Amino acid sequence: MDRIIEYMLAEDEGFGDITSNAVVEEGKEASAYIVSKDEGILAGINIIRDLFKECGVNVGFWLAEGSKISNGDVLISLKGDARTILLLERTALNLMMRMSGVASAAGHYVNLVEDYDVRVAGTRKTSPAIGKFDKHALQVGGADTHRFALDDMVLIKDNHIAACGTPLEALLKAKENVSFSKKIEIEVESLDDAVECVKNGADIVMLDNMSPKEVGEVISELEKLGIRQNSLIEVSGGITDETIVDYASLGVDIISIGALTHSSRSLNFSLKFD
């Protein structure tokens, strides 16, 4: 994450901040603050605080990570070299606005299903290079991160299945070739495949792009066979804030939503000099 922030700063600076260098006196001290123009859940503030501190800017005040914020709230106060503050401004704002948007979206969905025993999770549909920041923001918003990277767990998806045969064949190959220390999840699209994968020891079965009616039929069949508790059941694909309760009420274990990271709206923050 530190290396990525270094790259962000270098990319933004180019060969130098010619505007600040032209109009701001070298060595001039300034006081500034970042203010919210939005409401939601604050994420990334600790990362931004440390960024300013490492660059010699004094941080006098900051809200706690995960704070609920409203329009007009001061998020952090700064004092230091004016040129340095201006150099860091856009990178700090861009990162914290995105992370707060992801956290706010996660918190919104988590609150919708707070009455159900279900976990809301993100996916790996993150912005390139800043996936770990997105994952941190999901946690701040109360959601599960799901996989950070491809080595976290086995997740057999449609293209893996297409490359090797049937869902059951793919599951059995994974069980044969993967260490006991890694969980195995498999994506299925039909009731029969879901039942077969639960029977054959999948740790997690993902019901992909199934309607609430279809998911309910899978759950009912697993309960009738007495194997419902053998695997965690995850649902994913096109789930919105209008349909999430329909899925949660069926008794699934995990609801994963790619839109938390690929379509969330960044919150609006602004840095102002006193």
C-alpha atoms as a PDB file:
ATOM      1  CA  MET A   1       0.000   0.000   0.000  1.00  0.00           C
ATOM      2  CA  ASP A   2       2.880   2.385   0.785  1.00  0.00           C
ATOM      3  CA  ARG A   3       4.447   1.717  -2.616  1.00  0.00           C
ATOM      4  CA  ILE A   4       1.160   2.386  -4.352  1.00  0.00           C
ATOM      5  CA  ILE A   5       0.750   5.714  -2.536  1.00  0.00           C
ATOM      6  CA  GLU A   6       4.307   6.662  -3.530  1.00  0.00           C
ATOM      7  CA  TYR A   7       3.399   5.951  -7.152  1.00  0.00           C
ATOM      8  CA  MET A   8       0.174   7.980  -6.866  1.00  0.00           C
ATOM      9  CA  LEU A   9       2.125  10.976  -5.569  1.00  0.00           C
ATOM     10  CA  ALA A  10       4.797  10.660  -8.252  1.00  0.00           C
ATOM     11  CA  GLU A  11       2.164  10.337 -10.972  1.00  0.00           C
ATOM     12  CA  ASP A  12       0.321  13.440  -9.745  1.00  0.00           C
ATOM     13  CA  GLU A  13       3.452  15.562  -9.287  1.00  0.00           C
ATOM     14  CA  GLY A  14       4.980  14.824 -12.659  1.00  0.00           C
ATOM     15  CA  PHE A  15       8.118  16.955 -12.951  1.00  0.00           C
ATOM     16  CA  GLY A  16       6.970  19.313 -10.210  1.00  0.00           C
ATOM     17  CA  ASP A  17       3.977  21.333  -8.996  1.00  0.00           C
ATOM     18  CA  ILE A  18       4.653  24.326 -11.213  1.00  0.00           C
ATOM     19  CA  THR A  19       1.611  26.235  -9.955  1.00  0.00           C
ATOM     20  CA  SER A  20       2.478  26.091  -6.255  1.00  0.00           C
ATOM     21  CA  ASN A  21       6.157  26.664  -6.983  1.00  0.00           C
ATOM     22  CA  ALA A  22       5.271  29.749  -9.003  1.00  0.00           C
ATOM     23  CA  VAL A  23       2.831  31.451  -6.628  1.00  0.00           C
ATOM     24  CA  VAL A  24       3.445  30.077  -3.102  1.00  0.00           C
ATOM     25  CA  GLU A  25       6.491  31.366  -1.262  1.00  0.00           C
ATOM     26  CA  GLU A  26       9.025  28.656  -0.444  1.00  0.00           C
ATOM     27  CA  GLY A  27       8.927  27.713   3.241  1.00  0.00           C
ATOM     28  CA  LYS A  28       5.564  29.389   3.848  1.00  0.00           C
ATOM     29  CA  GLU A  29       3.620  27.794   6.724  1.00  0.00           C
ATOM     30  CA  ALA A  30      -0.106  27.213   6.351  1.00  0.00           C
ATOM     31  CA  SER A  31      -3.034  25.788   8.309  1.00  0.00           C
ATOM     32  CA  ALA A  32      -5.619  23.750   6.453  1.00  0.00           C
ATOM     33  CA  TYR A  33      -8.423  21.273   6.985  1.00  0.00           C
ATOM     34  CA  ILE A  34     -10.367  18.686   5.008  1.00  0.00           C
ATOM     35  CA  VAL A  35     -14.135  19.073   5.176  1.00  0.00           C
ATOM     36  CA  SER A  36     -16.915  16.754   4.065  1.00  0.00           C
ATOM     37  CA  LYS A  37     -19.509  17.915   1.556  1.00  0.00           C
ATOM     38  CA  ASP A  38     -21.331  14.615   1.867  1.00  0.00           C
ATOM     39  CA  GLU A  39     -22.688  12.120   4.362  1.00  0.00           C
ATOM     40  CA  GLY A  40     -21.673   8.527   4.891  1.00  0.00           C
ATOM     41  CA  ILE A  41     -18.952   6.496   6.595  1.00  0.00           C
ATOM     42  CA  LEU A  42     -15.392   7.812   6.788  1.00  0.00           C
ATOM     43  CA  ALA A  43     -12.630   5.455   5.609  1.00  0.00           C
ATOM     44  CA  GLY A  44      -8.954   5.985   4.895  1.00  0.00           C
ATOM     45  CA  ILE A  45      -8.450   8.785   7.410  1.00  0.00           C
ATOM     46  CA  ASN A  46      -5.648   6.937   9.222  1.00  0.00           C
ATOM     47  CA  ILE A  47      -3.826   6.348   5.940  1.00  0.00           C
ATOM     48  CA  ILE A  48      -4.138  10.017   5.026  1.00  0.00           C
ATOM     49  CA  ARG A  49      -3.072  11.143   8.505  1.00  0.00           C
ATOM     50  CA  ASP A  50       0.096   9.060   8.254  1.00  0.00           C
ATOM     51  CA  LEU A  51       0.768  10.341   4.723  1.00  0.00           C
ATOM     52  CA  PHE A  52       0.746  13.964   5.864  1.00  0.00           C
ATOM     53  CA  LYS A  53       2.819  13.179   8.962  1.00  0.00           C
ATOM     54  CA  GLU A  54       5.468  11.334   6.956  1.00  0.00           C
ATOM     55  CA  CYS A  55       5.805  14.381   4.717  1.00  0.00           C
ATOM     56  CA  GLY A  56       6.364  16.713   7.667  1.00  0.00           C
ATOM     57  CA  VAL A  57       2.857  18.112   8.002  1.00  0.00           C
ATOM     58  CA  ASN A  58       1.508  18.301  11.555  1.00  0.00           C
ATOM     59  CA  VAL A  59      -1.898  16.712  12.094  1.00  0.00           C
ATOM     60  CA  GLY A  60      -3.742  18.350  14.970  1.00  0.00           C
ATOM     61  CA  PHE A  61      -7.117  16.628  14.735  1.00  0.00           C
ATOM     62  CA  TRP A  62      -8.752  13.788  12.870  1.00  0.00           C
ATOM     63  CA  LEU A  63     -11.965  11.835  13.130  1.00  0.00           C
ATOM     64  CA  ALA A  64     -11.858   8.128  13.897  1.00  0.00           C
ATOM     65  CA  GLU A  65     -11.912   5.589  11.092  1.00  0.00           C
ATOM     66  CA  GLY A  66     -15.502   4.430  10.569  1.00  0.00           C
ATOM     67  CA  SER A  67     -17.074   7.647  11.884  1.00  0.00           C
ATOM     68  CA  LYS A  68     -20.458   8.602  10.501  1.00  0.00           C
ATOM     69  CA  ILE A  69     -20.032  11.953   8.795  1.00  0.00           C
ATOM     70  CA  SER A  70     -22.303  14.690   7.466  1.00  0.00           C
ATOM     71  CA  ASN A  71     -22.028  17.697   5.195  1.00  0.00           C
ATOM     72  CA  GLY A  72     -19.839  20.303   6.871  1.00  0.00           C
ATOM     73  CA  ASP A  73     -17.928  17.985   9.209  1.00  0.00           C
ATOM     74  CA  VAL A  74     -14.207  18.728   9.564  1.00  0.00           C
ATOM     75  CA  LEU A  75     -12.366  15.436   9.048  1.00  0.00           C
ATOM     76  CA  ILE A  76      -8.742  16.410   9.735  1.00  0.00           C
ATOM     77  CA  SER A  77      -6.759  19.577  10.508  1.00  0.00           C
ATOM     78  CA  LEU A  78      -3.285  20.215   9.116  1.00  0.00           C
ATOM     79  CA  LYS A  79      -0.395  22.620   9.701  1.00  0.00           C
ATOM     80  CA  GLY A  80       2.851  22.700   7.789  1.00  0.00           C
ATOM     81  CA  ASP A  81       4.609  23.729   4.616  1.00  0.00           C
ATOM     82  CA  ALA A  82       2.027  25.135   2.208  1.00  0.00           C
ATOM     83  CA  ARG A  83       3.654  23.673  -0.898  1.00  0.00           C
ATOM     84  CA  THR A  84       3.749  20.203   0.684  1.00  0.00           C
ATOM     85  CA  ILE A  85       0.084  20.343   1.654  1.00  0.00           C
ATOM     86  CA  LEU A  86      -0.843  21.365  -1.885  1.00  0.00           C
ATOM     87  CA  LEU A  87       1.339  18.611  -3.337  1.00  0.00           C
ATOM     88  CA  LEU A  88      -0.458  15.965  -1.261  1.00  0.00           C
ATOM     89  CA  GLU A  89      -3.953  17.441  -1.596  1.00  0.00           C
ATOM     90  CA  ARG A  90      -5.389  15.643  -4.618  1.00  0.00           C
ATOM     91  CA  THR A  91      -3.911  12.214  -3.898  1.00  0.00           C
ATOM     92  CA  ALA A  92      -5.131  12.363  -0.299  1.00  0.00           C
ATOM     93  CA  LEU A  93      -8.610  13.510  -1.279  1.00  0.00           C
ATOM     94  CA  ASN A  94      -9.025  11.056  -4.162  1.00  0.00           C
ATOM     95  CA  LEU A  95      -8.050   8.077  -2.057  1.00  0.00           C
ATOM     96  CA  MET A  96     -10.097   8.999   0.988  1.00  0.00           C
ATOM     97  CA  MET A  97     -13.163   9.945  -1.065  1.00  0.00           C
ATOM     98  CA  ARG A  98     -13.136   6.589  -2.858  1.00  0.00           C
ATOM     99  CA  MET A  99     -12.535   4.577   0.303  1.00  0.00           C
ATOM    100  CA  SER A 100     -15.311   6.440   2.123  1.00  0.00           C
ATOM    101  CA  GLY A 101     -17.657   5.782  -0.795  1.00  0.00           C
ATOM    102  CA  VAL A 102     -16.937   2.053  -0.657  1.00  0.00           C
ATOM    103  CA  ALA A 103     -17.341   1.992   3.142  1.00  0.00           C
ATOM    104  CA  SER A 104     -20.617   3.893   2.898  1.00  0.00           C
ATOM    105  CA  ALA A 105     -22.005   1.509   0.276  1.00  0.00           C
ATOM    106  CA  ALA A 106     -20.966  -1.466   2.388  1.00  0.00           C
ATOM    107  CA  GLY A 107     -22.559   0.027   5.487  1.00  0.00           C
ATOM    108  CA  HIS A 108     -25.781   0.668   3.580  1.00  0.00           C
ATOM    109  CA  TYR A 109     -26.133  -2.966   2.501  1.00  0.00           C
ATOM    110  CA  VAL A 110     -25.064  -4.335   5.887  1.00  0.00           C
ATOM    111  CA  ASN A 111     -27.732  -2.235   7.599  1.00  0.00           C
ATOM    112  CA  LEU A 112     -30.425  -3.543   5.242  1.00  0.00           C
ATOM    113  CA  VAL A 113     -29.890  -7.130   6.461  1.00  0.00           C
ATOM    114  CA  GLU A 114     -28.947  -6.472  10.099  1.00  0.00           C
ATOM    115  CA  ASP A 115     -31.923  -8.560  11.260  1.00  0.00           C
ATOM    116  CA  TYR A 116     -30.654 -11.668   9.461  1.00  0.00           C
ATOM    117  CA  ASP A 117     -27.801 -14.053  10.219  1.00  0.00           C
ATOM    118  CA  VAL A 118     -25.964 -13.345   6.978  1.00  0.00           C
ATOM    119  CA  ARG A 119     -22.646 -11.811   6.003  1.00  0.00           C
ATOM    120  CA  VAL A 120     -22.392  -9.181   3.263  1.00  0.00           C
ATOM    121  CA  ALA A 121     -19.138  -9.471   1.297  1.00  0.00           C
ATOM    122  CA  GLY A 122     -17.314  -7.649  -1.450  1.00  0.00           C
ATOM    123  CA  THR A 123     -15.604  -9.282  -4.410  1.00  0.00           C
ATOM    124  CA  ARG A 124     -12.345  -8.895  -6.360  1.00  0.00           C
ATOM    125  CA  LYS A 125     -14.078  -6.421  -8.706  1.00  0.00           C
ATOM    126  CA  THR A 126     -11.926  -3.638  -7.336  1.00  0.00           C
ATOM    127  CA  SER A 127     -10.147  -0.775  -9.049  1.00  0.00           C
ATOM    128  CA  PRO A 128      -6.780  -1.912 -10.454  1.00  0.00           C
ATOM    129  CA  ALA A 129      -3.801  -1.412  -8.115  1.00  0.00           C
ATOM    130  CA  ILE A 130      -5.867  -0.151  -5.179  1.00  0.00           C
ATOM    131  CA  GLY A 131      -7.692  -3.367  -4.331  1.00  0.00           C
ATOM    132  CA  LYS A 132      -6.255  -3.468  -0.808  1.00  0.00           C
ATOM    133  CA  PHE A 133      -7.589   0.038  -0.148  1.00  0.00           C
ATOM    134  CA  ASP A 134     -11.020  -1.067  -1.379  1.00  0.00           C
ATOM    135  CA  LYS A 135     -10.862  -4.158   0.833  1.00  0.00           C
ATOM    136  CA  HIS A 136      -9.940  -2.061   3.862  1.00  0.00           C
ATOM    137  CA  ALA A 137     -12.882   0.218   3.123  1.00  0.00           C
ATOM    138  CA  LEU A 138     -15.234  -2.785   2.977  1.00  0.00           C
ATOM    139  CA  GLN A 139     -14.115  -3.768   6.471  1.00  0.00           C
ATOM    140  CA  VAL A 140     -14.640  -0.233   7.767  1.00  0.00           C
ATOM    141  CA  GLY A 141     -18.187  -0.347   6.404  1.00  0.00           C
ATOM    142  CA  GLY A 142     -18.879  -3.641   8.169  1.00  0.00           C
ATOM    143  CA  ALA A 143     -18.683  -5.969   5.176  1.00  0.00           C
ATOM    144  CA  ASP A 144     -16.473  -9.004   4.656  1.00  0.00           C
ATOM    145  CA  THR A 145     -13.529  -8.608   2.295  1.00  0.00           C
ATOM    146  CA  HIS A 146     -13.939 -12.001   0.559  1.00  0.00           C
ATOM    147  CA  ARG A 147     -10.627 -12.900  -1.167  1.00  0.00           C
ATOM    148  CA  PHE A 148      -7.799 -10.389  -1.138  1.00  0.00           C
ATOM    149  CA  ALA A 149      -5.932 -12.261  -3.870  1.00  0.00           C
ATOM    150  CA  LEU A 150      -5.948 -15.501  -5.838  1.00  0.00           C
ATOM    151  CA  ASP A 151      -3.929 -17.364  -3.197  1.00  0.00           C
ATOM    152  CA  ASP A 152      -6.435 -16.821  -0.371  1.00  0.00           C
ATOM    153  CA  MET A 153      -8.648 -19.767  -1.222  1.00  0.00           C
ATOM    154  CA  VAL A 154      -9.815 -21.931  -4.104  1.00  0.00           C
ATOM    155  CA  LEU A 155     -12.735 -20.340  -5.949  1.00  0.00           C
ATOM    156  CA  ILE A 156     -13.810 -22.449  -8.913  1.00  0.00           C
ATOM    157  CA  LYS A 157     -15.726 -20.252 -11.350  1.00  0.00           C
ATOM    158  CA  ASP A 158     -17.485 -20.856 -14.663  1.00  0.00           C
ATOM    159  CA  ASN A 159     -14.338 -20.570 -16.768  1.00  0.00           C
ATOM    160  CA  HIS A 160     -12.455 -23.053 -14.584  1.00  0.00           C
ATOM    161  CA  ILE A 161     -15.358 -25.454 -15.009  1.00  0.00           C
ATOM    162  CA  ALA A 162     -15.483 -24.881 -18.771  1.00  0.00           C
ATOM    163  CA  ALA A 163     -11.774 -25.671 -18.963  1.00  0.00           C
ATOM    164  CA  CYS A 164     -11.968 -28.963 -17.102  1.00  0.00           C
ATOM    165  CA  GLY A 165     -15.467 -30.440 -17.406  1.00  0.00           C
ATOM    166  CA  THR A 166     -18.346 -30.352 -14.931  1.00  0.00           C
ATOM    167  CA  PRO A 167     -18.626 -28.594 -11.561  1.00  0.00           C
ATOM    168  CA  LEU A 168     -18.268 -31.905  -9.742  1.00  0.00           C
ATOM    169  CA  GLU A 169     -15.156 -32.848 -11.742  1.00  0.00           C
ATOM    170  CA  ALA A 170     -13.596 -29.474 -10.955  1.00  0.00           C
ATOM    171  CA  LEU A 171     -14.426 -29.805  -7.256  1.00  0.00           C
ATOM    172  CA  LEU A 172     -12.952 -33.291  -6.997  1.00  0.00           C
ATOM    173  CA  LYS A 173      -9.760 -32.199  -8.788  1.00  0.00           C
ATOM    174  CA  ALA A 174      -9.385 -29.294  -6.382  1.00  0.00           C
ATOM    175  CA  LYS A 175      -9.874 -31.547  -3.361  1.00  0.00           C
ATOM    176  CA  GLU A 176      -7.207 -33.867  -4.719  1.00  0.00           C
ATOM    177  CA  ASN A 177      -4.623 -31.194  -5.543  1.00  0.00           C
ATOM    178  CA  VAL A 178      -5.063 -28.457  -2.914  1.00  0.00           C
ATOM    179  CA  SER A 179      -3.806 -28.432   0.677  1.00  0.00           C
ATOM    180  CA  PHE A 180      -6.294 -29.130   3.452  1.00  0.00           C
ATOM    181  CA  SER A 181      -5.443 -25.654   4.784  1.00  0.00           C
ATOM    182  CA  LYS A 182      -7.298 -23.898   1.948  1.00  0.00           C
ATOM    183  CA  LYS A 183     -11.064 -23.635   1.711  1.00  0.00           C
ATOM    184  CA  ILE A 184     -12.670 -24.651  -1.568  1.00  0.00           C
ATOM    185  CA  GLU A 185     -15.566 -22.676  -3.008  1.00  0.00           C
ATOM    186  CA  ILE A 186     -17.355 -23.482  -6.242  1.00  0.00           C
ATOM    187  CA  GLU A 187     -19.752 -21.466  -8.355  1.00  0.00           C
ATOM    188  CA  VAL A 188     -22.848 -23.304  -9.625  1.00  0.00           C
ATOM    189  CA  GLU A 189     -25.850 -22.309 -11.707  1.00  0.00           C
ATOM    190  CA  SER A 190     -28.327 -25.150 -11.103  1.00  0.00           C
ATOM    191  CA  LEU A 191     -29.991 -26.989  -8.242  1.00  0.00           C
ATOM    192  CA  ASP A 192     -28.505 -30.352  -9.249  1.00  0.00           C
ATOM    193  CA  ASP A 193     -24.941 -28.993  -9.324  1.00  0.00           C
ATOM    194  CA  ALA A 194     -25.440 -27.290  -5.964  1.00  0.00           C
ATOM    195  CA  VAL A 195     -26.619 -30.529  -4.362  1.00  0.00           C
ATOM    196  CA  GLU A 196     -23.764 -32.568  -5.863  1.00  0.00           C
ATOM    197  CA  CYS A 197     -21.133 -30.097  -4.680  1.00  0.00           C
ATOM    198  CA  VAL A 198     -22.538 -29.969  -1.150  1.00  0.00           C
ATOM    199  CA  LYS A 199     -22.653 -33.775  -1.054  1.00  0.00           C
ATOM    200  CA  ASN A 200     -19.013 -33.940  -2.153  1.00  0.00           C
ATOM    201  CA  GLY A 201     -17.553 -31.626   0.436  1.00  0.00           C
ATOM    202  CA  ALA A 202     -17.333 -28.115  -0.990  1.00  0.00           C
ATOM    203  CA  ASP A 203     -16.666 -25.700   1.846  1.00  0.00           C
ATOM    204  CA  ILE A 204     -18.704 -22.985   0.140  1.00  0.00           C
ATOM    205  CA  VAL A 205     -21.184 -23.254  -2.722  1.00  0.00           C
ATOM    206  CA  MET A 206     -21.907 -20.039  -4.585  1.00  0.00           C
ATOM    207  CA  LEU A 207     -25.295 -19.843  -6.253  1.00  0.00           C
ATOM    208  CA  ASP A 208     -24.534 -17.555  -9.167  1.00  0.00           C
ATOM    209  CA  ASN A 209     -27.153 -15.304 -10.754  1.00  0.00           C
ATOM    210  CA  MET A 210     -30.041 -17.297  -9.292  1.00  0.00           C
ATOM    211  CA  SER A 211     -33.365 -15.651  -8.514  1.00  0.00           C
ATOM    212  CA  PRO A 212     -34.678 -15.713  -4.922  1.00  0.00           C
ATOM    213  CA  LYS A 213     -37.120 -18.424  -6.022  1.00  0.00           C
ATOM    214  CA  GLU A 214     -34.299 -20.604  -7.380  1.00  0.00           C
ATOM    215  CA  VAL A 215     -32.161 -20.056  -4.273  1.00  0.00           C
ATOM    216  CA  GLY A 216     -35.124 -21.007  -2.095  1.00  0.00           C
ATOM    217  CA  GLU A 217     -35.495 -24.268  -4.022  1.00  0.00           C
ATOM    218  CA  VAL A 218     -31.820 -25.100  -3.449  1.00  0.00           C
ATOM    219  CA  ILE A 219     -32.043 -24.386   0.271  1.00  0.00           C
ATOM    220  CA  SER A 220     -35.216 -26.469   0.585  1.00  0.00           C
ATOM    221  CA  GLU A 221     -33.661 -29.437  -1.228  1.00  0.00           C
ATOM    222  CA  LEU A 222     -30.511 -29.325   0.914  1.00  0.00           C
ATOM    223  CA  GLU A 223     -32.632 -29.233   4.067  1.00  0.00           C
ATOM    224  CA  LYS A 224     -34.776 -32.124   2.824  1.00  0.00           C
ATOM    225  CA  LEU A 225     -31.619 -34.168   2.235  1.00  0.00           C
ATOM    226  CA  GLY A 226     -30.250 -33.244   5.668  1.00  0.00           C
ATOM    227  CA  ILE A 227     -27.071 -31.689   4.235  1.00  0.00           C
ATOM    228  CA  ARG A 228     -27.823 -27.970   4.478  1.00  0.00           C
ATOM    229  CA  GLN A 229     -25.165 -27.438   7.182  1.00  0.00           C
ATOM    230  CA  ASN A 230     -22.450 -29.283   5.249  1.00  0.00           C
ATOM    231  CA  SER A 231     -21.489 -26.177   3.229  1.00  0.00           C
ATOM    232  CA  LEU A 232     -21.785 -22.439   3.488  1.00  0.00           C
ATOM    233  CA  ILE A 233     -24.180 -21.099   0.869  1.00  0.00           C
ATOM    234  CA  GLU A 234     -23.257 -17.868  -0.894  1.00  0.00           C
ATOM    235  CA  VAL A 235     -25.392 -15.959  -3.382  1.00  0.00           C
ATOM    236  CA  SER A 236     -24.002 -13.509  -5.898  1.00  0.00           C
ATOM    237  CA  GLY A 237     -24.876 -11.744  -9.108  1.00  0.00           C
ATOM    238  CA  GLY A 238     -26.989  -8.646  -9.678  1.00  0.00           C
ATOM    239  CA  ILE A 239     -28.105  -8.262  -6.072  1.00  0.00           C
ATOM    240  CA  THR A 240     -29.347  -4.740  -5.282  1.00  0.00           C
ATOM    241  CA  ASP A 241     -30.583  -2.912  -2.214  1.00  0.00           C
ATOM    242  CA  GLU A 242     -34.101  -3.692  -3.447  1.00  0.00           C
ATOM    243  CA  THR A 243     -33.550  -7.479  -3.539  1.00  0.00           C
ATOM    244  CA  ILE A 244     -30.965  -8.179  -0.831  1.00  0.00           C
ATOM    245  CA  VAL A 245     -33.570  -8.806   1.882  1.00  0.00           C
ATOM    246  CA  ASP A 246     -35.313 -11.337  -0.392  1.00  0.00           C
ATOM    247  CA  TYR A 247     -32.078 -13.355  -0.449  1.00  0.00           C
ATOM    248  CA  ALA A 248     -31.194 -12.839   3.221  1.00  0.00           C
ATOM    249  CA  SER A 249     -34.615 -14.082   4.325  1.00  0.00           C
ATOM    250  CA  LEU A 250     -33.962 -17.458   2.655  1.00  0.00           C
ATOM    251  CA  GLY A 251     -31.264 -18.349   5.180  1.00  0.00           C
ATOM    252  CA  VAL A 252     -28.161 -18.049   3.005  1.00  0.00           C
ATOM    253  CA  ASP A 253     -24.825 -17.500   4.743  1.00  0.00           C
ATOM    254  CA  ILE A 254     -23.096 -14.985   2.478  1.00  0.00           C
ATOM    255  CA  ILE A 255     -24.289 -12.343   0.038  1.00  0.00           C
ATOM    256  CA  SER A 256     -21.462 -11.041  -2.163  1.00  0.00           C
ATOM    257  CA  ILE A 257     -21.934  -7.833  -4.122  1.00  0.00           C
ATOM    258  CA  GLY A 258     -19.423  -6.628  -6.699  1.00  0.00           C
ATOM    259  CA  ALA A 259     -21.104  -3.228  -6.936  1.00  0.00           C
ATOM    260  CA  LEU A 260     -19.734  -2.302  -3.494  1.00  0.00           C
ATOM    261  CA  THR A 261     -16.383  -1.700  -5.172  1.00  0.00           C
ATOM    262  CA  HIS A 262     -16.968  -1.483  -8.911  1.00  0.00           C
ATOM    263  CA  SER A 263     -19.890   0.957  -8.818  1.00  0.00           C
ATOM    264  CA  SER A 264     -19.843   2.791  -5.493  1.00  0.00           C
ATOM    265  CA  ARG A 265     -19.946   6.590  -5.589  1.00  0.00           C
ATOM    266  CA  SER A 266     -17.002   8.450  -4.082  1.00  0.00           C
ATOM    267  CA  LEU A 267     -17.945  10.860  -1.311  1.00  0.00           C
ATOM    268  CA  ASN A 268     -17.202  14.558  -1.827  1.00  0.00           C
ATOM    269  CA  PHE A 269     -14.449  16.077   0.340  1.00  0.00           C
ATOM    270  CA  SER A 270     -12.521  19.338   0.009  1.00  0.00           C
ATOM    271  CA  LEU A 271      -9.263  20.676   1.415  1.00  0.00           C
ATOM    272  CA  LYS A 272      -9.336  24.318   2.487  1.00  0.00           C
ATOM    273  CA  PHE A 273      -6.626  26.674   3.734  1.00  0.00           C
ATOM    274  CA  ASP A 274      -7.544  28.754   6.803  1.00  0.00           C
END
